[in-house]
Amino acid sequence: MVSALANVLPGIRDLRAPLAAGYIWLLGLWLALEPTIPSRSQAGGVLGSVYELGDELSTVGLGIAASFVAYVVGALSTSLFATPSSGLRQTTRLSRLLRLEPFSAQALDALAALGRSTRTDLASILSMSGVDVDQLLDEIRVTTRTPTDDSWWAGRVRRAVRARGAGNRGTPSRARGPGSATARDFEAEQEERIARAVTRDLDTIATTRLLGRDQDLYSAVDRLRAEMEFRRAIAPPLAFAALVIAGREGGIWAVVVVAFVAVLTAGLFADAARLERRANDVLLDVLTDDRVQSPTLDRLRGRAVAITTRTPADELEQAASRLAAAIRRAIRRFEQIGTSEPALAGRAHADAQQAQALLDEVGPLLAPDVIDSAGAAVVLLQEMADLWMGAVQGKGGVDTDEVEVMLGRAQTEEQHFLARAKRQVALLRQAPATPST
């Protein structure tokens, strides 16, 4: 019985926020539109049909219909206003005034510790592989910045992680560019990237990683997050309803209602942030205790181990696969030009440049005949890109027949490249396999 109730409660909490928000939206809309709605005797068309439907439904039926509409409206509202609500934290002064930051000092310490310990582990694993931590982070696509990284709290995470990491290393906490008297702290940059990746994993950890592993912990975090979402969900419709009431009443009551709801809304957002901090404290605590793992940290450690155990044949196969994918992507882009719009020329040009960059990077691993085929395909792609870019810029037309011939030759060279690369990999695998150094 207790287990069944524990499974039902998260679903009820998921319903509560959109349903409550929807009811408040419907109340506000009713207050706003009621003076303009015709009476039953005057209604016609769709509104008349709605009155008739109300007569046909029982009280329970009306309640169910209203609840369904409220849920749909509330779910849409929660989705639409999720970003603006979080966007309040982009303002430094407002964030500090209402304490909207999602991470406490304890959480920042945990983030710094995770970044530092993970970087140390990865550096140790990769020490004999010839691959550094930066290359691994780039490969797993652990980005330095994201569109949401300009907020005040994001900057606070960045500064806190660097300060704590630098304090433990005895190195400068600020990274500076060339010509500066202070050297860049590359380790701090790596730790920051790792810590920021962990913050982006928290939603996944809270909703999936804890589920089925620790039911009590999952319920505690889910309850905190549900309370947070409830407060953020009802704040916008409350503000709307208050504006409607103020507009209809006017005078001193308008000022009183607006002031009261403004304080109430600010309090809701501040309390939601407090609950978010508590939930994040719990999540980061279990991460530092290794009771649960971050998906990104799992991928980083797994990839680091794979790199240290790969053979020269594995390295060659991976390099050839990356180059083949870049060439094939550029070819597909050129196949679309003419059947779509010339604006694709810019993307095709970028794809051709990426293929050339990859050829320069992996070329030392490839046999001469493999390089020749790949190089011939890339040259053809670049020539086609130049033709199309010239046409887009008004520097001349494009002979589509000539381009078709060049595209066919590029496809042929790509096939030769794949066949020769596979043959080189097969020959290398016949030799005794030794880990790469």
Protein backbone atom coordinates (compact mmCIF):
# COMPACT_ATOMS: atom_id res chain seq x y z
CA MET A 1 0.00 0.00 0.00
CA VAL A 2 2.79 2.39 0.95
CA SER A 3 4.73 1.52 -2.21
CA ALA A 4 1.67 2.10 -4.39
CA LEU A 5 1.04 5.46 -2.74
CA ALA A 6 4.69 6.45 -3.28
CA ASN A 7 4.30 5.70 -6.98
CA VAL A 8 1.10 7.75 -7.24
CA LEU A 9 2.26 10.87 -5.38
CA PRO A 10 4.74 12.09 -8.04
CA GLY A 11 1.96 11.96 -10.65
CA ILE A 12 -0.36 13.95 -8.40
CA ARG A 13 2.35 16.55 -7.84
CA ASP A 14 2.87 16.81 -11.59
CA LEU A 15 -0.85 17.57 -12.04
CA ARG A 16 -1.09 20.11 -9.25
CA ALA A 17 0.97 22.96 -10.70
CA PRO A 18 -0.65 23.18 -14.17
CA LEU A 19 -4.12 22.57 -12.74
CA ALA A 20 -3.82 25.33 -10.13
CA ALA A 21 -2.33 27.72 -12.69
CA GLY A 22 -5.12 26.89 -15.13
CA TYR A 23 -7.86 27.59 -12.59
CA ILE A 24 -6.34 30.98 -11.78
CA TRP A 25 -6.02 31.81 -15.49
CA LEU A 26 -9.66 30.88 -16.07
CA LEU A 27 -10.73 33.02 -13.10
CA GLY A 28 -8.74 35.96 -14.43
CA LEU A 29 -10.16 35.52 -17.92
CA TRP A 30 -13.68 35.32 -16.53
CA LEU A 31 -13.21 38.52 -14.56
CA ALA A 32 -11.80 40.22 -17.66
CA LEU A 33 -14.43 39.03 -20.16
CA GLU A 34 -17.57 38.65 -18.03
CA PRO A 35 -18.87 42.19 -18.67
CA THR A 36 -18.80 41.58 -22.44
CA ILE A 37 -20.32 38.08 -22.46
CA PRO A 38 -23.98 38.06 -23.63
CA SER A 39 -26.60 36.58 -21.32
CA ARG A 40 -28.25 33.26 -22.09
CA SER A 41 -31.25 34.95 -23.73
CA GLN A 42 -29.00 37.08 -25.96
CA ALA A 43 -26.42 34.46 -26.84
CA GLY A 44 -26.33 32.87 -30.26
CA GLY A 45 -23.98 30.87 -32.44
CA VAL A 46 -21.15 29.08 -30.66
CA LEU A 47 -21.83 30.81 -27.33
CA GLY A 48 -25.44 29.68 -27.45
CA SER A 49 -24.26 26.14 -28.10
CA VAL A 50 -21.97 26.39 -25.07
CA TYR A 51 -24.94 27.41 -22.91
CA GLU A 52 -26.89 24.42 -24.26
CA LEU A 53 -23.98 22.11 -23.52
CA GLY A 54 -23.91 23.41 -19.96
CA ASP A 55 -27.57 22.51 -19.57
CA GLU A 56 -26.89 18.98 -20.82
CA LEU A 57 -24.00 18.33 -18.45
CA SER A 58 -24.35 17.54 -14.78
CA THR A 59 -22.52 19.44 -12.08
CA VAL A 60 -19.88 16.71 -12.01
CA GLY A 61 -19.59 16.84 -15.79
CA LEU A 62 -19.12 20.61 -15.73
CA GLY A 63 -16.43 20.22 -13.08
CA ILE A 64 -14.59 17.62 -15.15
CA ALA A 65 -14.80 19.78 -18.29
CA ALA A 66 -13.58 22.86 -16.40
CA SER A 67 -10.74 20.88 -14.85
CA PHE A 68 -9.66 19.56 -18.25
CA VAL A 69 -9.64 23.06 -19.75
CA ALA A 70 -7.80 24.39 -16.70
CA TYR A 71 -5.17 21.68 -16.99
CA VAL A 72 -4.57 22.37 -20.70
CA VAL A 73 -4.35 26.13 -20.11
CA GLY A 74 -2.13 25.64 -17.06
CA ALA A 75 0.21 23.22 -18.85
CA LEU A 76 0.58 25.66 -21.73
CA SER A 77 1.17 28.51 -19.28
CA THR A 78 3.78 26.55 -17.35
CA SER A 79 5.61 25.78 -20.57
CA LEU A 80 5.42 29.32 -21.94
CA PHE A 81 6.42 31.06 -18.74
CA ALA A 82 9.17 28.65 -17.69
CA THR A 83 11.85 30.58 -19.60
CA PRO A 84 10.67 34.07 -18.56
CA SER A 85 10.55 32.95 -14.92
CA SER A 86 14.09 31.67 -15.13
CA GLY A 87 15.00 34.77 -17.09
CA LEU A 88 14.37 36.91 -14.00
CA ARG A 89 17.71 35.61 -12.77
CA GLN A 90 19.45 37.28 -15.71
CA THR A 91 19.12 40.60 -13.85
CA THR A 92 21.90 40.98 -11.32
CA ARG A 93 20.15 43.37 -8.93
CA LEU A 94 16.86 41.48 -8.96
CA SER A 95 18.64 38.18 -8.44
CA ARG A 96 20.46 39.53 -5.42
CA LEU A 97 17.39 41.26 -4.02
CA LEU A 98 15.13 38.20 -4.22
CA ARG A 99 17.92 35.64 -3.84
CA LEU A 100 16.93 33.85 -7.02
CA GLU A 101 20.26 32.07 -7.48
CA PRO A 102 19.78 28.27 -7.66
CA PHE A 103 23.04 27.28 -5.92
CA SER A 104 23.99 27.79 -2.29
CA ALA A 105 27.56 28.17 -1.01
CA GLN A 106 27.47 24.48 -0.10
CA ALA A 107 26.45 23.59 -3.66
CA LEU A 108 29.21 25.74 -5.14
CA ASP A 109 31.74 23.93 -2.95
CA ALA A 110 30.38 20.61 -4.20
CA LEU A 111 30.58 21.77 -7.84
CA ALA A 112 34.17 22.87 -7.36
CA ALA A 113 35.05 19.54 -5.74
CA LEU A 114 33.39 17.58 -8.56
CA GLY A 115 35.17 19.60 -11.21
CA ARG A 116 38.53 19.21 -9.50
CA SER A 117 38.24 15.48 -8.74
CA THR A 118 36.89 14.64 -12.19
CA ARG A 119 39.64 16.60 -13.96
CA THR A 120 42.28 14.86 -11.82
CA ASP A 121 40.80 11.42 -12.58
CA LEU A 122 40.61 12.12 -16.32
CA ALA A 123 44.17 13.47 -16.42
CA SER A 124 45.40 10.35 -14.63
CA ILE A 125 43.56 8.00 -16.98
CA LEU A 126 44.76 9.86 -20.08
CA SER A 127 48.34 10.39 -18.90
CA MET A 128 49.84 7.77 -21.25
CA SER A 129 47.42 8.18 -24.17
CA GLY A 130 48.69 11.36 -25.82
CA VAL A 131 45.22 12.93 -25.39
CA ASP A 132 44.69 15.76 -22.92
CA VAL A 133 41.59 16.66 -20.94
CA ASP A 134 40.72 19.58 -23.22
CA GLN A 135 40.61 17.28 -26.25
CA LEU A 136 38.40 14.84 -24.36
CA LEU A 137 36.00 17.62 -23.32
CA ASP A 138 35.82 18.80 -26.92
CA GLU A 139 35.17 15.28 -28.17
CA ILE A 140 32.31 14.72 -25.72
CA ARG A 141 31.10 18.25 -26.56
CA VAL A 142 31.33 19.64 -23.07
CA THR A 143 30.86 23.24 -24.15
CA THR A 144 32.47 26.21 -22.48
CA ARG A 145 29.38 28.42 -22.68
CA THR A 146 25.70 28.08 -23.51
CA PRO A 147 22.98 30.68 -24.25
CA THR A 148 21.96 30.65 -20.58
CA ASP A 149 25.50 31.18 -19.29
CA ASP A 150 25.30 35.00 -19.19
CA SER A 151 23.08 35.09 -16.12
CA TRP A 152 24.40 36.36 -12.82
CA TRP A 153 24.17 32.99 -11.09
CA ALA A 154 26.06 31.32 -13.98
CA GLY A 155 28.87 33.84 -13.55
CA ARG A 156 28.82 33.13 -9.82
CA VAL A 157 29.27 29.41 -10.49
CA ARG A 158 32.17 30.17 -12.82
CA ARG A 159 33.93 32.45 -10.34
CA ALA A 160 33.30 30.14 -7.39
CA VAL A 161 34.62 27.04 -9.14
CA ARG A 162 37.75 28.85 -10.29
CA ALA A 163 38.39 30.45 -6.92
CA ARG A 164 38.02 27.17 -5.04
CA GLY A 165 40.10 25.27 -7.59
CA ALA A 166 42.85 27.88 -7.63
CA GLY A 167 42.95 27.91 -3.85
CA ASN A 168 43.63 24.17 -3.80
CA ARG A 169 46.31 24.41 -6.49
CA GLY A 170 47.90 27.60 -5.30
CA THR A 171 47.53 29.09 -8.79
CA PRO A 172 45.82 32.27 -10.02
CA SER A 173 42.03 32.03 -10.09
CA ARG A 174 41.61 34.22 -13.16
CA ALA A 175 42.51 33.14 -16.68
CA ARG A 176 44.07 35.85 -18.81
CA GLY A 177 44.97 36.06 -22.44
CA PRO A 178 48.32 36.25 -24.26
CA GLY A 179 50.61 39.02 -23.09
CA SER A 180 49.18 39.03 -19.58
CA ALA A 181 51.48 38.90 -16.60
CA THR A 182 49.38 36.04 -15.24
CA ALA A 183 49.36 32.71 -17.06
CA ARG A 184 46.07 31.14 -18.01
CA ASP A 185 44.86 28.57 -15.56
CA PHE A 186 44.00 25.77 -17.97
CA GLU A 187 43.10 23.41 -15.15
CA ALA A 188 40.58 25.93 -13.82
CA GLU A 189 39.02 26.23 -17.27
CA GLN A 190 38.67 22.46 -17.49
CA GLU A 191 37.16 22.24 -14.01
CA GLU A 192 34.73 25.00 -14.87
CA ARG A 193 33.57 23.20 -18.01
CA ILE A 194 33.06 20.00 -16.04
CA ALA A 195 31.18 21.76 -13.24
CA ARG A 196 28.92 23.58 -15.70
CA ALA A 197 28.16 20.28 -17.43
CA VAL A 198 27.11 18.85 -14.06
CA THR A 199 24.68 21.76 -13.53
CA ARG A 200 23.07 20.97 -16.88
CA ASP A 201 22.71 17.31 -15.85
CA LEU A 202 20.80 18.02 -12.64
CA ASP A 203 17.37 17.75 -14.27
CA THR A 204 18.25 14.36 -15.73
CA ILE A 205 19.64 13.16 -12.42
CA ALA A 206 16.54 14.29 -10.53
CA THR A 207 14.03 12.78 -12.96
CA THR A 208 15.70 9.57 -14.17
CA ARG A 209 18.95 8.65 -12.44
CA LEU A 210 17.48 8.57 -8.93
CA LEU A 211 14.32 6.77 -10.03
CA GLY A 212 14.52 3.10 -9.10
CA ARG A 213 17.82 3.48 -7.23
CA ASP A 214 16.84 5.33 -4.07
CA GLN A 215 13.09 5.82 -3.77
CA ASP A 216 13.28 7.86 -0.56
CA LEU A 217 15.85 10.24 -2.03
CA TYR A 218 13.94 10.48 -5.31
CA SER A 219 10.73 11.33 -3.43
CA ALA A 220 12.48 14.01 -1.37
CA VAL A 221 13.96 15.71 -4.43
CA ASP A 222 10.75 15.33 -6.41
CA ARG A 223 8.75 16.92 -3.60
CA LEU A 224 11.08 19.92 -3.44
CA ARG A 225 11.03 20.38 -7.21
CA ALA A 226 7.24 20.01 -7.33
CA GLU A 227 6.81 22.72 -4.70
CA MET A 228 9.21 24.93 -6.64
CA GLU A 229 7.33 24.39 -9.91
CA PHE A 230 3.98 25.01 -8.20
CA ARG A 231 5.07 28.43 -6.97
CA ARG A 232 6.50 29.43 -10.32
CA ALA A 233 3.42 28.16 -12.14
CA ILE A 234 0.83 30.17 -10.19
CA ALA A 235 2.78 33.46 -10.07
CA PRO A 236 2.03 34.65 -13.67
CA PRO A 237 -1.76 33.96 -13.56
CA LEU A 238 -1.97 35.59 -10.12
CA ALA A 239 -0.35 38.72 -11.54
CA PHE A 240 -2.78 38.66 -14.49
CA ALA A 241 -5.82 38.25 -12.25
CA ALA A 242 -4.60 41.11 -10.06
CA LEU A 243 -4.26 43.43 -13.05
CA VAL A 244 -7.79 42.53 -14.18
CA ILE A 245 -9.23 43.24 -10.71
CA ALA A 246 -7.29 46.52 -10.50
CA GLY A 247 -8.56 47.56 -13.91
CA ARG A 248 -12.18 46.84 -13.04
CA GLU A 249 -12.20 48.31 -9.54
CA GLY A 250 -9.90 51.31 -9.97
CA GLY A 251 -9.10 53.81 -7.23
CA ILE A 252 -7.40 52.86 -4.00
CA TRP A 253 -8.39 49.21 -4.36
CA ALA A 254 -6.41 48.96 -7.56
CA VAL A 255 -3.28 50.14 -5.77
CA VAL A 256 -3.87 47.80 -2.83
CA VAL A 257 -4.46 44.75 -5.02
CA VAL A 258 -1.48 45.43 -7.29
CA ALA A 259 0.83 46.06 -4.34
CA PHE A 260 -0.35 42.94 -2.51
CA VAL A 261 0.04 40.67 -5.54
CA ALA A 262 3.42 42.20 -6.41
CA VAL A 263 4.70 41.29 -2.95
CA LEU A 264 3.04 37.87 -3.18
CA THR A 265 4.57 37.16 -6.61
CA ALA A 266 8.03 38.21 -5.47
CA GLY A 267 7.65 35.99 -2.44
CA LEU A 268 6.61 33.04 -4.58
CA PHE A 269 9.61 33.40 -6.84
CA ALA A 270 11.96 33.83 -3.88
CA ASP A 271 10.52 30.77 -2.15
CA ALA A 272 10.75 28.78 -5.39
CA ALA A 273 14.44 29.70 -5.60
CA ARG A 274 14.93 28.59 -1.99
CA LEU A 275 13.38 25.22 -2.76
CA GLU A 276 15.50 24.90 -5.89
CA ARG A 277 18.64 25.53 -3.84
CA ARG A 278 17.60 22.82 -1.38
CA ALA A 279 16.96 20.33 -4.17
CA ASN A 280 20.29 21.14 -5.83
CA ASP A 281 22.07 20.78 -2.48
CA VAL A 282 20.67 17.26 -2.17
CA LEU A 283 21.54 16.34 -5.77
CA LEU A 284 25.09 17.62 -5.55
CA ASP A 285 25.54 15.92 -2.19
CA VAL A 286 24.68 12.51 -3.65
CA LEU A 287 26.93 13.24 -6.64
CA THR A 288 29.94 14.00 -4.46
CA ASP A 289 29.22 10.85 -2.40
CA ASP A 290 29.13 8.75 -5.62
CA ARG A 291 25.63 7.50 -4.80
CA VAL A 292 24.59 8.50 -8.30
CA GLN A 293 26.53 9.54 -11.38
CA SER A 294 26.14 12.47 -13.75
CA PRO A 295 25.51 11.32 -17.36
CA THR A 296 28.22 13.66 -18.67
CA LEU A 297 30.77 12.47 -16.11
CA ASP A 298 29.93 8.87 -17.01
CA ARG A 299 30.54 9.60 -20.69
CA LEU A 300 33.81 11.40 -19.94
CA ARG A 301 35.22 8.59 -17.82
CA GLY A 302 34.00 5.89 -20.23
CA ARG A 303 35.53 7.67 -23.21
CA ALA A 304 38.80 8.26 -21.35
CA VAL A 305 39.09 4.55 -20.58
CA ALA A 306 38.26 3.67 -24.18
CA ILE A 307 40.98 6.01 -25.46
CA THR A 308 43.64 4.39 -23.28
CA THR A 309 42.78 0.88 -24.50
CA ARG A 310 42.36 1.58 -28.21
CA THR A 311 44.81 0.13 -30.71
CA PRO A 312 46.42 1.93 -33.66
CA ALA A 313 43.81 0.25 -35.87
CA ASP A 314 41.05 1.71 -33.69
CA GLU A 315 42.60 5.17 -33.99
CA LEU A 316 42.86 4.85 -37.74
CA GLU A 317 39.30 3.59 -38.08
CA GLN A 318 37.94 6.42 -35.95
CA ALA A 319 39.92 9.04 -37.87
CA ALA A 320 38.80 7.67 -41.23
CA SER A 321 35.19 7.49 -40.05
CA ARG A 322 35.21 11.15 -38.95
CA LEU A 323 36.68 12.25 -42.28
CA ALA A 324 34.26 10.06 -44.27
CA ALA A 325 31.30 11.54 -42.36
CA ALA A 326 32.48 15.09 -43.12
CA ILE A 327 32.94 14.36 -46.83
CA ARG A 328 29.59 12.59 -47.06
CA ARG A 329 27.82 15.47 -45.27
CA ALA A 330 29.28 17.97 -47.75
CA ILE A 331 28.27 15.81 -50.70
CA ARG A 332 24.68 15.56 -49.45
CA ARG A 333 24.62 19.33 -49.04
CA PHE A 334 25.71 19.83 -52.66
CA GLU A 335 23.04 17.37 -53.80
CA GLN A 336 20.43 19.65 -52.19
CA ILE A 337 21.64 22.80 -53.93
CA GLY A 338 19.51 23.50 -56.98
CA THR A 339 16.62 21.44 -55.67
CA SER A 340 16.25 23.74 -52.68
CA GLU A 341 17.65 27.26 -52.46
CA PRO A 342 21.06 28.81 -53.25
CA ALA A 343 21.39 29.86 -49.63
CA LEU A 344 22.57 26.31 -48.97
CA ALA A 345 25.80 27.29 -50.68
CA GLY A 346 27.10 28.91 -47.52
CA ARG A 347 26.48 25.74 -45.52
CA ALA A 348 28.04 23.60 -48.24
CA HIS A 349 31.09 25.87 -48.24
CA ALA A 350 31.41 25.46 -44.46
CA ASP A 351 31.05 21.67 -44.79
CA ALA A 352 33.83 21.60 -47.42
CA GLN A 353 36.09 23.65 -45.13
CA GLN A 354 35.38 21.29 -42.23
CA ALA A 355 36.27 18.30 -44.42
CA GLN A 356 39.58 19.98 -45.33
CA ALA A 357 40.32 20.71 -41.66
CA LEU A 358 39.68 17.07 -40.74
CA LEU A 359 41.86 15.88 -43.63
CA ASP A 360 44.72 18.04 -42.32
CA GLU A 361 44.16 16.66 -38.81
CA VAL A 362 43.99 12.92 -39.58
CA GLY A 363 46.21 12.89 -42.66
CA PRO A 364 49.32 11.66 -40.81
CA LEU A 365 47.46 8.45 -39.88
CA LEU A 366 46.42 7.59 -43.46
CA ALA A 367 48.31 5.74 -46.16
CA PRO A 368 49.29 7.77 -49.27
CA ASP A 369 46.64 6.23 -51.53
CA VAL A 370 43.96 6.86 -48.89
CA ILE A 371 45.04 10.49 -48.58
CA ASP A 372 45.01 10.89 -52.37
CA SER A 373 41.38 9.77 -52.66
CA ALA A 374 40.19 11.83 -49.71
CA GLY A 375 42.18 14.86 -50.92
CA ALA A 376 40.73 14.60 -54.42
CA ALA A 377 37.17 14.49 -53.01
CA VAL A 378 37.82 17.48 -50.74
CA VAL A 379 39.36 19.52 -53.59
CA LEU A 380 36.30 18.88 -55.76
CA LEU A 381 34.02 19.89 -52.89
CA GLN A 382 35.91 23.13 -52.38
CA GLU A 383 35.81 23.94 -56.10
CA MET A 384 32.04 23.41 -56.15
CA ALA A 385 31.68 25.52 -53.02
CA ASP A 386 33.61 28.36 -54.67
CA LEU A 387 31.38 28.16 -57.77
CA TRP A 388 28.18 28.31 -55.76
CA MET A 389 29.41 31.06 -53.46
CA GLY A 390 30.41 33.10 -56.50
CA ALA A 391 26.92 32.67 -57.92
CA VAL A 392 25.29 33.70 -54.66
CA GLN A 393 27.50 36.80 -54.51
CA GLY A 394 26.62 37.72 -58.11
CA LYS A 395 30.06 36.97 -59.55
CA GLY A 396 28.78 34.67 -62.27
CA GLY A 397 26.48 31.80 -63.03
CA VAL A 398 26.90 28.11 -62.38
CA ASP A 399 27.06 25.50 -65.11
CA THR A 400 24.83 22.86 -63.52
CA ASP A 401 26.06 20.16 -65.92
CA GLU A 402 29.66 20.86 -64.91
CA VAL A 403 28.71 20.79 -61.24
CA GLU A 404 26.92 17.46 -61.71
CA VAL A 405 30.07 15.98 -63.25
CA MET A 406 32.20 17.33 -60.38
CA LEU A 407 29.74 15.96 -57.83
CA GLY A 408 29.85 12.53 -59.46
CA ARG A 409 33.64 12.56 -59.38
CA ALA A 410 33.59 13.57 -55.70
CA GLN A 411 31.24 10.67 -54.93
CA THR A 412 33.55 8.27 -56.77
CA GLU A 413 36.62 9.54 -54.91
CA GLU A 414 34.73 9.20 -51.63
CA GLN A 415 33.97 5.55 -52.42
CA HIS A 416 37.62 4.93 -53.29
CA PHE A 417 38.66 6.59 -50.04
CA LEU A 418 36.32 4.38 -47.99
CA ALA A 419 37.48 1.19 -49.70
CA ARG A 420 41.17 2.04 -49.28
CA ALA A 421 40.71 3.15 -45.68
CA LYS A 422 38.95 -0.12 -44.83
CA ARG A 423 41.76 -2.06 -46.44
CA GLN A 424 44.37 -0.13 -44.43
CA VAL A 425 42.45 -0.78 -41.20
CA ALA A 426 42.14 -4.48 -42.02
CA LEU A 427 45.88 -4.79 -42.67
CA LEU A 428 46.67 -2.99 -39.45
CA ARG A 429 44.38 -5.27 -37.46
CA GLN A 430 46.28 -8.30 -38.74
CA ALA A 431 49.35 -7.04 -36.86
CA PRO A 432 49.62 -7.74 -33.10
CA ALA A 433 47.34 -5.29 -31.27
CA THR A 434 49.12 -3.00 -28.82
CA PRO A 435 47.57 -0.11 -26.88
CA SER A 436 48.32 3.29 -28.35
CA THR A 437 50.77 5.55 -26.58
